[in-house]
Amino acid sequence: MSQARDRQIEIIKQRLLRQSTPRLQVSLLLLITGLAGFLTSFLLLHLGVIRMWVRYPVVILISYVVFLLLLRIWLWLR
């Protein structure tokens, strides 16, 4: 059973590498996620939220949602 699973993983890996550049695409997803977090923090700071213990959990939550949304879009396109 483990050999069949390993074979399936290898087939999927080869197909991904042949059809696209997954490392570049995931790097772009992470870059956009980080940018979303930075912009959220910047916006909250300029809206008057100066306490980091309030701002940072909001930034983490929004960044996480952006990452999951981008990941879902990427998988949908694949």
Protein backbone atom coordinates (compact mmCIF):
# COMPACT_ATOMS: atom_id res chain seq x y z
CA MET A 1 0.00 0.00 0.00
CA SER A 2 2.84 2.39 0.78
CA GLN A 3 4.46 1.68 -2.59
CA ALA A 4 1.26 2.58 -4.43
CA ARG A 5 1.00 5.83 -2.50
CA ASP A 6 4.64 6.67 -3.18
CA ARG A 7 4.08 5.98 -6.88
CA GLN A 8 1.03 8.28 -6.97
CA ILE A 9 2.97 11.06 -5.23
CA GLU A 10 5.80 10.71 -7.73
CA ILE A 11 3.40 10.86 -10.69
CA ILE A 12 1.75 14.02 -9.34
CA LYS A 13 5.13 15.58 -8.62
CA GLN A 14 6.38 14.91 -12.15
CA ARG A 15 3.19 16.29 -13.68
CA LEU A 16 3.41 19.48 -11.62
CA LEU A 17 7.06 20.03 -12.49
CA ARG A 18 6.42 19.39 -16.18
CA GLN A 19 3.41 21.70 -16.49
CA SER A 20 4.44 24.63 -14.31
CA THR A 21 6.84 26.08 -11.77
CA PRO A 22 5.22 25.29 -8.41
CA ARG A 23 8.09 26.67 -6.30
CA LEU A 24 7.84 30.05 -8.01
CA GLN A 25 4.06 30.08 -7.71
CA VAL A 26 4.06 29.20 -4.01
CA SER A 27 6.77 31.79 -3.40
CA LEU A 28 4.51 34.35 -5.03
CA LEU A 29 1.61 33.22 -2.81
CA LEU A 30 3.77 33.71 0.28
CA LEU A 31 4.97 37.11 -0.93
CA ILE A 32 1.38 38.28 -1.45
CA THR A 33 0.42 36.91 1.98
CA GLY A 34 3.26 38.81 3.65
CA LEU A 35 2.34 41.96 1.75
CA ALA A 36 -1.28 41.61 2.87
CA GLY A 37 -0.13 41.32 6.49
CA PHE A 38 2.17 44.32 6.20
CA LEU A 39 -0.51 46.47 4.57
CA THR A 40 -3.07 45.43 7.17
CA SER A 41 -0.70 46.38 9.98
CA PHE A 42 0.09 49.69 8.28
CA LEU A 43 -3.60 50.47 7.77
CA LEU A 44 -4.53 49.59 11.36
CA LEU A 45 -1.68 51.72 12.67
CA HIS A 46 -2.89 54.70 10.66
CA LEU A 47 -6.45 54.08 11.81
CA GLY A 48 -5.24 54.59 15.37
CA VAL A 49 -4.78 51.01 16.56
CA ILE A 50 -1.43 51.53 18.27
CA ARG A 51 -1.52 48.61 20.69
CA MET A 52 0.44 45.74 19.19
CA TRP A 53 -1.42 43.12 21.24
CA VAL A 54 -4.58 44.15 19.39
CA ARG A 55 -3.08 44.79 15.96
CA TYR A 56 -0.97 41.67 15.54
CA PRO A 57 -3.70 39.03 16.07
CA VAL A 58 -5.85 40.89 13.51
CA VAL A 59 -2.92 40.95 11.08
CA ILE A 60 -2.26 37.24 11.57
CA LEU A 61 -5.92 36.38 11.05
CA ILE A 62 -6.21 38.45 7.87
CA SER A 63 -2.92 37.10 6.51
CA TYR A 64 -4.04 33.55 7.19
CA VAL A 65 -7.36 34.12 5.40
CA VAL A 66 -5.53 35.68 2.43
CA PHE A 67 -3.16 32.70 2.29
CA LEU A 68 -5.99 30.17 2.36
CA LEU A 69 -7.90 32.10 -0.30
CA LEU A 70 -4.85 32.29 -2.57
CA LEU A 71 -4.12 28.61 -1.99
CA ARG A 72 -7.71 27.71 -2.90
CA ILE A 73 -7.49 29.79 -6.09
CA TRP A 74 -4.16 28.17 -6.99
CA LEU A 75 -5.54 24.67 -6.48
CA TRP A 76 -8.64 25.54 -8.48
CA LEU A 77 -6.48 26.71 -11.37
CA ARG A 78 -4.36 23.53 -11.19
